[in-house]
C-alpha atoms as a PDB file:
ATOM      1  CA  MET A   1     -37.575   7.729   6.807  1.00  0.00           C
ATOM      2  CA  VAL A   2     -34.418   8.825   5.012  1.00  0.00           C
ATOM      3  CA  GLN A   3     -31.755  10.573   7.032  1.00  0.00           C
ATOM      4  CA  SER A   4     -29.992  13.406   5.328  1.00  0.00           C
ATOM      5  CA  ALA A   5     -26.477  14.494   6.153  1.00  0.00           C
ATOM      6  CA  ALA A   6     -25.870  17.551   8.262  1.00  0.00           C
ATOM      7  CA  PRO A   7     -22.615  19.540   8.361  1.00  0.00           C
ATOM      8  CA  GLY A   8     -21.881  18.258  11.883  1.00  0.00           C
ATOM      9  CA  ASP A   9     -22.736  14.649  11.022  1.00  0.00           C
ATOM     10  CA  ILE A  10     -19.481  13.090  12.217  1.00  0.00           C
ATOM     11  CA  TYR A  11     -20.728   9.851  13.795  1.00  0.00           C
ATOM     12  CA  PRO A  12     -21.782   6.640  12.062  1.00  0.00           C
ATOM     13  CA  ARG A  13     -25.336   7.147  10.764  1.00  0.00           C
ATOM     14  CA  ASP A  14     -26.560   3.560  11.032  1.00  0.00           C
ATOM     15  CA  LYS A  15     -25.530   0.075  12.111  1.00  0.00           C
ATOM     16  CA  HIS A  16     -23.839  -0.747   8.784  1.00  0.00           C
ATOM     17  CA  GLU A  17     -21.660   2.385   8.950  1.00  0.00           C
ATOM     18  CA  ALA A  18     -20.824   1.604  12.581  1.00  0.00           C
ATOM     19  CA  GLU A  19     -19.715  -1.919  11.612  1.00  0.00           C
ATOM     20  CA  LEU A  20     -17.598  -0.598   8.729  1.00  0.00           C
ATOM     21  CA  CYS A  21     -16.004   2.009  10.973  1.00  0.00           C
ATOM     22  CA  GLU A  22     -15.316  -0.626  13.632  1.00  0.00           C
ATOM     23  CA  THR A  23     -13.542  -2.783  11.028  1.00  0.00           C
ATOM     24  CA  ALA A  24     -11.585   0.187   9.720  1.00  0.00           C
ATOM     25  CA  SER A  25     -10.602   1.403  13.200  1.00  0.00           C
ATOM     26  CA  ARG A  26      -8.448  -1.625  14.122  1.00  0.00           C
ATOM     27  CA  PRO A  27      -5.120  -2.501  12.488  1.00  0.00           C
ATOM     28  CA  ASP A  28      -5.303  -5.482  10.152  1.00  0.00           C
ATOM     29  CA  TRP A  29      -2.724  -7.588  12.000  1.00  0.00           C
ATOM     30  CA  LEU A  30      -3.262 -10.582   9.741  1.00  0.00           C
ATOM     31  CA  TYR A  31      -2.403  -8.512   6.660  1.00  0.00           C
ATOM     32  CA  LEU A  32       0.645  -6.968   8.351  1.00  0.00           C
ATOM     33  CA  GLY A  33       1.800 -10.405   9.519  1.00  0.00           C
ATOM     34  CA  GLY A  34       1.330 -11.775   6.007  1.00  0.00           C
ATOM     35  CA  LEU A  35       3.472  -8.976   4.575  1.00  0.00           C
ATOM     36  CA  LEU A  36       6.163  -9.681   7.162  1.00  0.00           C
ATOM     37  CA  ALA A  37       6.063 -13.415   6.374  1.00  0.00           C
ATOM     38  CA  LEU A  38       6.367 -12.653   2.651  1.00  0.00           C
ATOM     39  CA  ASP A  39       9.380 -10.431   3.366  1.00  0.00           C
ATOM     40  CA  VAL A  40      11.079 -13.129   5.415  1.00  0.00           C
ATOM     41  CA  GLY A  41      10.374 -15.775   2.779  1.00  0.00           C
ATOM     42  CA  ALA A  42      11.576 -13.542  -0.068  1.00  0.00           C
ATOM     43  CA  ILE A  43      14.775 -12.619   1.757  1.00  0.00           C
ATOM     44  CA  TRP A  44      15.417 -16.254   2.629  1.00  0.00           C
ATOM     45  CA  GLY A  45      14.749 -17.451  -0.922  1.00  0.00           C
ATOM     46  CA  GLY A  46      16.214 -14.494  -2.840  1.00  0.00           C
ATOM     47  CA  SER A  47      19.467 -14.465  -0.902  1.00  0.00           C
ATOM     48  CA  SER A  48      19.969 -18.224  -0.716  1.00  0.00           C
ATOM     49  CA  ASP A  49      23.211 -19.776  -1.907  1.00  0.00           C
ATOM     50  CA  ALA A  50      21.260 -21.631  -4.594  1.00  0.00           C
ATOM     51  CA  VAL A  51      20.213 -18.319  -6.159  1.00  0.00           C
ATOM     52  CA  LYS A  52      23.625 -16.652  -5.720  1.00  0.00           C
ATOM     53  CA  ALA A  53      25.462 -19.659  -7.197  1.00  0.00           C
ATOM     54  CA  SER A  54      22.996 -20.278 -10.040  1.00  0.00           C
ATOM     55  CA  SER A  55      24.475 -20.553 -13.515  1.00  0.00           C
ATOM     56  CA  SER A  56      21.620 -18.436 -14.916  1.00  0.00           C
ATOM     57  CA  ILE A  57      22.290 -14.694 -14.896  1.00  0.00           C
ATOM     58  CA  PRO A  58      18.549 -13.802 -14.944  1.00  0.00           C
ATOM     59  CA  VAL A  59      18.027 -15.913 -11.817  1.00  0.00           C
ATOM     60  CA  ARG A  60      20.997 -14.353 -10.020  1.00  0.00           C
ATOM     61  CA  GLY A  61      20.561 -10.763 -11.213  1.00  0.00           C
ATOM     62  CA  VAL A  62      16.817 -10.348 -11.646  1.00  0.00           C
ATOM     63  CA  LEU A  63      14.754 -13.052  -9.944  1.00  0.00           C
ATOM     64  CA  GLY A  64      16.350 -12.918  -6.476  1.00  0.00           C
ATOM     65  CA  PRO A  65      16.422  -9.103  -6.160  1.00  0.00           C
ATOM     66  CA  GLY A  66      13.062  -8.819  -7.916  1.00  0.00           C
ATOM     67  CA  ILE A  67      11.316 -11.031  -5.379  1.00  0.00           C
ATOM     68  CA  ILE A  68      12.902  -9.177  -2.480  1.00  0.00           C
ATOM     69  CA  GLY A  69      12.015  -5.804  -4.028  1.00  0.00           C
ATOM     70  CA  LEU A  70       8.438  -6.804  -4.805  1.00  0.00           C
ATOM     71  CA  THR A  71       7.655  -7.996  -1.293  1.00  0.00           C
ATOM     72  CA  TRP A  72       9.430  -5.029   0.279  1.00  0.00           C
ATOM     73  CA  GLY A  73       7.420  -2.667  -1.932  1.00  0.00           C
ATOM     74  CA  ALA A  74       4.193  -4.399  -0.934  1.00  0.00           C
ATOM     75  CA  THR A  75       5.152  -3.946   2.719  1.00  0.00           C
ATOM     76  CA  VAL A  76       5.939  -0.248   2.317  1.00  0.00           C
ATOM     77  CA  GLY A  77       2.800   0.390   0.269  1.00  0.00           C
ATOM     78  CA  GLY A  78       0.459  -1.816   2.286  1.00  0.00           C
ATOM     79  CA  ALA A  79       1.556  -1.182   5.867  1.00  0.00           C
ATOM     80  CA  TRP A  80      -0.093   2.223   6.105  1.00  0.00           C
ATOM     81  CA  MET A  81      -3.233   0.866   4.423  1.00  0.00           C
ATOM     82  CA  ALA A  82      -3.507  -1.794   7.152  1.00  0.00           C
ATOM     83  CA  LEU A  83      -3.383   0.814   9.928  1.00  0.00           C
ATOM     84  CA  PRO A  84      -6.603   2.330  11.363  1.00  0.00           C
ATOM     85  CA  GLN A  85      -8.503   4.389   8.804  1.00  0.00           C
ATOM     86  CA  CYS A  86     -11.557   5.439  10.859  1.00  0.00           C
ATOM     87  CA  SER A  87     -12.579   6.597  14.321  1.00  0.00           C
ATOM     88  CA  SER A  88     -15.969   6.009  15.877  1.00  0.00           C
ATOM     89  CA  THR A  89     -15.972   9.635  17.059  1.00  0.00           C
ATOM     90  CA  TRP A  90     -15.082  11.140  13.677  1.00  0.00           C
ATOM     91  CA  VAL A  91     -16.285   9.515  10.471  1.00  0.00           C
ATOM     92  CA  GLY A  92     -14.943  11.691   7.728  1.00  0.00           C
ATOM     93  CA  ALA A  93     -16.899  12.358   4.582  1.00  0.00           C
ATOM     94  CA  PRO A  94     -16.135  14.464   1.564  1.00  0.00           C
ATOM     95  CA  PRO A  95     -18.031  17.741   1.330  1.00  0.00           C
ATOM     96  CA  PRO A  96     -20.905  18.124  -1.136  1.00  0.00           C
ATOM     97  CA  GLU A  97     -18.477  19.669  -3.608  1.00  0.00           C
ATOM     98  CA  GLY A  98     -16.729  16.306  -3.906  1.00  0.00           C
ATOM     99  CA  GLN A  99     -13.474  14.706  -2.811  1.00  0.00           C
ATOM    100  CA  VAL A 100     -10.950  17.420  -2.006  1.00  0.00           C
ATOM    101  CA  ARG A 101      -8.046  15.127  -1.147  1.00  0.00           C
ATOM    102  CA  GLU A 102      -6.260  12.957  -3.648  1.00  0.00           C
ATOM    103  CA  ARG A 103      -4.728   9.617  -2.682  1.00  0.00           C
ATOM    104  CA  TRP A 104      -2.265   9.267  -5.532  1.00  0.00           C
ATOM    105  CA  PRO A 105       0.434  11.639  -4.133  1.00  0.00           C
ATOM    106  CA  LEU A 106       0.866   9.478  -1.019  1.00  0.00           C
ATOM    107  CA  ALA A 107       0.734   6.268  -3.061  1.00  0.00           C
ATOM    108  CA  LEU A 108       3.373   7.609  -5.449  1.00  0.00           C
ATOM    109  CA  SER A 109       5.551   8.822  -2.559  1.00  0.00           C
ATOM    110  CA  LEU A 110       5.425   5.403  -0.900  1.00  0.00           C
ATOM    111  CA  ALA A 111       6.210   3.724  -4.231  1.00  0.00           C
ATOM    112  CA  ILE A 112       9.254   5.961  -4.694  1.00  0.00           C
ATOM    113  CA  LEU A 113      10.335   5.260  -1.110  1.00  0.00           C
ATOM    114  CA  ALA A 114       9.961   1.520  -1.730  1.00  0.00           C
ATOM    115  CA  GLY A 115      11.887   1.777  -5.013  1.00  0.00           C
ATOM    116  CA  VAL A 116      14.752   3.640  -3.355  1.00  0.00           C
ATOM    117  CA  THR A 117      14.994   1.418  -0.270  1.00  0.00           C
ATOM    118  CA  ALA A 118      14.470  -1.971  -1.959  1.00  0.00           C
ATOM    119  CA  PRO A 119      18.076  -2.120  -3.279  1.00  0.00           C
ATOM    120  CA  VAL A 120      19.296  -1.401   0.258  1.00  0.00           C
ATOM    121  CA  ILE A 121      17.177  -4.240   1.670  1.00  0.00           C
ATOM    122  CA  ASN A 122      18.411  -6.509  -1.125  1.00  0.00           C
ATOM    123  CA  GLY A 123      22.016  -5.526  -0.401  1.00  0.00           C
ATOM    124  CA  ILE A 124      21.586  -6.282   3.281  1.00  0.00           C
ATOM    125  CA  ALA A 125      19.914  -9.599   2.446  1.00  0.00           C
ATOM    126  CA  ILE A 126      22.540 -10.896   0.010  1.00  0.00           C
ATOM    127  CA  GLY A 127      25.433  -9.702   2.140  1.00  0.00           C
ATOM    128  CA  PHE A 128      28.930  -8.647   1.225  1.00  0.00           C
ATOM    129  CA  ASP A 129      30.329 -12.037   0.261  1.00  0.00           C
ATOM    130  CA  LEU A 130      29.311 -11.839  -3.399  1.00  0.00           C
ATOM    131  CA  PRO A 131      30.871 -14.299  -5.817  1.00  0.00           C
ATOM    132  CA  VAL A 132      33.890 -12.889  -7.633  1.00  0.00           C
ATOM    133  CA  ALA A 133      32.567 -14.217 -10.951  1.00  0.00           C
ATOM    134  CA  TRP A 134      29.690 -11.722 -10.970  1.00  0.00           C
ATOM    135  CA  SER A 135      30.183  -9.024 -13.604  1.00  0.00           C
ATOM    136  CA  THR A 136      29.621  -5.318 -13.033  1.00  0.00           C
ATOM    137  CA  PHE A 137      26.480  -5.519 -15.172  1.00  0.00           C
ATOM    138  CA  GLU A 138      25.078  -8.246 -12.956  1.00  0.00           C
ATOM    139  CA  ARG A 139      25.809  -6.238  -9.818  1.00  0.00           C
ATOM    140  CA  GLU A 140      24.081  -3.231 -11.408  1.00  0.00           C
ATOM    141  CA  MET A 141      21.095  -5.401 -12.263  1.00  0.00           C
ATOM    142  CA  HIS A 142      20.692  -6.158  -8.561  1.00  0.00           C
ATOM    143  CA  LEU A 143      20.103  -2.464  -7.933  1.00  0.00           C
ATOM    144  CA  VAL A 144      17.817  -1.928 -10.917  1.00  0.00           C
ATOM    145  CA  ALA A 145      15.732  -5.094 -10.488  1.00  0.00           C
ATOM    146  CA  ALA A 146      15.213  -4.525  -6.763  1.00  0.00           C
ATOM    147  CA  GLY A 147      14.349  -0.842  -7.283  1.00  0.00           C
ATOM    148  CA  VAL A 148      11.875  -1.392 -10.115  1.00  0.00           C
ATOM    149  CA  ALA A 149      10.250  -4.328  -8.323  1.00  0.00           C
ATOM    150  CA  GLY A 150      10.040  -2.298  -5.100  1.00  0.00           C
ATOM    151  CA  PHE A 151       8.326   0.567  -6.935  1.00  0.00           C
ATOM    152  CA  ALA A 152       5.844  -1.816  -8.584  1.00  0.00           C
ATOM    153  CA  GLY A 153       5.302  -3.789  -5.381  1.00  0.00           C
ATOM    154  CA  ALA A 154       4.051  -0.695  -3.564  1.00  0.00           C
ATOM    155  CA  PHE A 155       0.946  -0.748  -5.780  1.00  0.00           C
ATOM    156  CA  VAL A 156       0.122  -4.434  -5.146  1.00  0.00           C
ATOM    157  CA  PRO A 157      -1.849  -3.642  -1.945  1.00  0.00           C
ATOM    158  CA  TYR A 158      -4.316  -1.657  -4.059  1.00  0.00           C
ATOM    159  CA  LEU A 159      -5.098  -4.896  -5.893  1.00  0.00           C
ATOM    160  CA  ILE A 160      -5.245  -6.976  -2.691  1.00  0.00           C
ATOM    161  CA  PRO A 161      -6.245  -4.435  -0.006  1.00  0.00           C
ATOM    162  CA  PRO A 162      -6.362  -5.010   3.758  1.00  0.00           C
ATOM    163  CA  SER A 163      -9.724  -5.089   5.509  1.00  0.00           C
ATOM    164  CA  THR A 164      -9.169  -1.653   7.089  1.00  0.00           C
ATOM    165  CA  TRP A 165      -8.688  -0.011   3.694  1.00  0.00           C
ATOM    166  CA  SER A 166     -11.628  -1.844   2.123  1.00  0.00           C
ATOM    167  CA  ALA A 167     -13.976  -0.919   4.975  1.00  0.00           C
ATOM    168  CA  ALA A 168     -12.877   2.724   4.906  1.00  0.00           C
ATOM    169  CA  ARG A 169     -13.415   2.961   1.135  1.00  0.00           C
ATOM    170  CA  GLU A 170     -16.861   1.341   1.440  1.00  0.00           C
ATOM    171  CA  LEU A 171     -17.778   3.778   4.218  1.00  0.00           C
ATOM    172  CA  GLU A 172     -16.602   6.650   2.028  1.00  0.00           C
ATOM    173  CA  ARG A 173     -18.647   5.329  -0.912  1.00  0.00           C
ATOM    174  CA  ILE A 174     -21.757   5.178   1.262  1.00  0.00           C
ATOM    175  CA  ARG A 175     -21.145   8.683   2.561  1.00  0.00           C
ATOM    176  CA  VAL A 176     -20.611  10.127  -0.932  1.00  0.00           C
ATOM    177  CA  SER A 177     -23.685   8.506  -2.454  1.00  0.00           C
ATOM    178  CA  GLY A 178     -25.851   9.587   0.487  1.00  0.00           C
ATOM    179  CA  ASP A 179     -29.550   9.000   0.105  1.00  0.00           C
ATOM    180  CA  GLY A 180     -29.458   9.461  -3.667  1.00  0.00           C
ATOM    181  CA  HIS A 181     -31.929  12.367  -3.587  1.00  0.00           C
ATOM    182  CA  SER A 182     -29.670  15.266  -2.735  1.00  0.00           C
ATOM    183  CA  ALA A 183     -27.928  17.649  -5.087  1.00  0.00           C
ATOM    184  CA  PHE A 184     -25.515  20.494  -4.632  1.00  0.00           C
ATOM    185  CA  VAL A 185     -25.314  23.651  -6.716  1.00  0.00           C
ATOM    186  CA  GLY A 186     -22.806  26.361  -6.029  1.00  0.00           C
ATOM    187  CA  TYR A 187     -21.216  29.368  -7.607  1.00  0.00           C
ATOM    188  CA  GLY A 188     -18.096  31.420  -7.169  1.00  0.00           C
ATOM    189  CA  ARG A 189     -17.394  35.058  -7.776  1.00  0.00           C
ATOM    190  CA  GLU A 190     -14.234  37.125  -7.691  1.00  0.00           C
ATOM    191  CA  PHE A 191     -14.173  40.767  -6.730  1.00  0.00           C
END
């Protein structure tokens, strides 16, 4: 027997949906810990004396800040994805008209936030004792490389998502597809 969705159908409909909601209702601590470990490693490696004293300007001005910016962006973009995305007492589903909320505004906002704050994190990581031999261009490149990498890094979690995000998207996909036999027709009229 096929169950059809009712307007008040807010609980998991079957065991598979309950399992997906259970996965999506707990923070993905492993993912968050991995992002934190990547941040620590990038700050340690990108701000090391070997990178700051390198004879290669691309290593000093782009590689170090780029790595720090990329991991910081991934943390900003992925941290909210690793937080709970479902509740066993309220399993959201789009209405028959289709998805009414877009995800890209939040993703873009977090990417901009990561791009703006990555140079600050890089500046804190490399400290104030910069070599005198660094040119103004190289110092500017620290800001640009960290900012661009931070912006780009915020989209990396969409390529490698946490389990909470993946389970919530799968639950949403199941809810949208339904039983495959339903259709919705509507009309609108102004007066």
